[in-house]
């Protein structure tokens, strides 16, 4: 999908995505998915956003882990058991 605004936002890099907090706002999720604000909010309102959207009062929130899984980027644990950052480019 193409952004639906005349001012196009820069997509997030994999490092930026992996550094996101546990829950993010819909605008950040839209940016990660490279969809426009109107499209993203429309999909969320219709219950058709590509990942589960939490409605908290008037705000929409997205669980980052769900977004990373959709994009094929997931936090993985190293052999030592400590969380590490590894990129899984799963098909």
Protein backbone atom coordinates (compact mmCIF):
# COMPACT_ATOMS: atom_id res chain seq x y z
CA UNK A 1 0.00 0.00 0.00
CA UNK A 2 1.21 3.49 -0.75
CA UNK A 3 1.15 6.20 1.88
CA UNK A 4 -2.01 8.29 1.56
CA UNK A 5 -0.50 11.63 2.50
CA UNK A 6 1.48 14.02 0.38
CA UNK A 7 4.24 14.08 3.03
CA UNK A 8 5.83 10.66 3.03
CA UNK A 9 7.40 9.46 6.31
CA UNK A 10 10.68 7.57 6.28
CA UNK A 11 10.33 3.85 6.98
CA UNK A 12 11.91 2.43 10.14
CA UNK A 13 15.14 0.43 9.90
CA UNK A 14 15.41 -3.04 11.46
CA UNK A 15 17.58 -1.58 14.27
CA UNK A 16 14.94 1.08 14.97
CA UNK A 17 12.21 -1.55 14.98
CA UNK A 18 14.11 -3.78 17.41
CA UNK A 19 14.66 -0.82 19.75
CA UNK A 20 10.95 0.01 20.06
CA UNK A 21 9.21 -0.27 23.45
CA UNK A 22 6.79 -3.14 24.17
CA UNK A 23 3.74 -1.18 22.99
CA UNK A 24 3.71 1.55 20.36
CA UNK A 25 1.22 4.05 19.01
CA UNK A 26 -0.57 3.44 15.73
CA UNK A 27 1.37 6.15 13.89
CA UNK A 28 4.66 4.35 14.64
CA UNK A 29 3.19 1.01 13.56
CA UNK A 30 1.91 2.64 10.36
CA UNK A 31 5.41 3.93 9.68
CA UNK A 32 6.90 0.47 10.24
CA UNK A 33 4.40 -1.00 7.77
CA UNK A 34 4.85 1.92 5.37
CA UNK A 35 1.15 2.77 5.28
CA UNK A 36 -0.36 6.20 5.57
CA UNK A 37 -2.05 7.59 8.64
CA UNK A 38 -5.58 7.61 7.17
CA UNK A 39 -5.23 4.07 5.86
CA UNK A 40 -3.84 2.79 9.17
CA UNK A 41 -6.54 4.40 11.29
CA UNK A 42 -9.22 3.23 8.86
CA UNK A 43 -7.97 -0.36 9.05
CA UNK A 44 -7.78 -0.21 12.85
CA UNK A 45 -11.30 1.19 13.11
CA UNK A 46 -12.64 -1.58 10.84
CA UNK A 47 -10.74 -4.29 12.78
CA UNK A 48 -8.66 -5.10 9.69
CA UNK A 49 -5.20 -3.87 10.78
CA UNK A 50 -2.52 -6.51 9.95
CA UNK A 51 -1.77 -7.07 13.67
CA UNK A 52 -3.92 -6.89 16.78
CA UNK A 53 -4.69 -3.31 17.82
CA UNK A 54 -5.51 -2.43 21.42
CA UNK A 55 -8.05 0.33 21.96
CA UNK A 56 -7.20 2.20 25.17
CA UNK A 57 -9.65 5.04 25.63
CA UNK A 58 -9.31 7.17 22.52
CA UNK A 59 -5.88 5.79 21.65
CA UNK A 60 -4.84 2.84 19.52
CA UNK A 61 -1.79 0.82 20.58
CA UNK A 62 0.07 -2.04 18.89
CA UNK A 63 2.08 -4.74 20.66
CA UNK A 64 5.58 -4.45 19.21
CA UNK A 65 6.24 -8.22 19.39
CA UNK A 66 3.25 -8.84 17.08
CA UNK A 67 4.51 -6.22 14.63
CA UNK A 68 8.05 -7.64 14.66
CA UNK A 69 6.70 -11.13 14.04
CA UNK A 70 4.67 -9.91 11.06
CA UNK A 71 7.78 -8.21 9.65
CA UNK A 72 10.00 -11.26 10.26
CA UNK A 73 12.07 -9.46 12.91
CA UNK A 74 12.05 -11.01 16.34
CA UNK A 75 14.03 -10.67 19.54
CA UNK A 76 15.82 -13.94 20.18
CA UNK A 77 17.74 -15.19 23.18
CA UNK A 78 21.41 -15.99 22.84
CA UNK A 79 22.82 -19.34 24.00
CA UNK A 80 23.80 -17.72 27.33
CA UNK A 81 20.13 -17.08 28.01
CA UNK A 82 20.51 -13.33 27.83
CA UNK A 83 18.31 -11.47 25.39
CA UNK A 84 20.16 -10.57 22.25
CA UNK A 85 19.23 -8.92 19.04
CA UNK A 86 19.13 -11.23 16.14
CA UNK A 87 17.27 -10.65 12.94
CA UNK A 88 15.18 -13.52 11.66
CA UNK A 89 14.40 -13.02 7.99
CA UNK A 90 11.85 -15.80 7.89
CA UNK A 91 9.78 -16.36 4.81
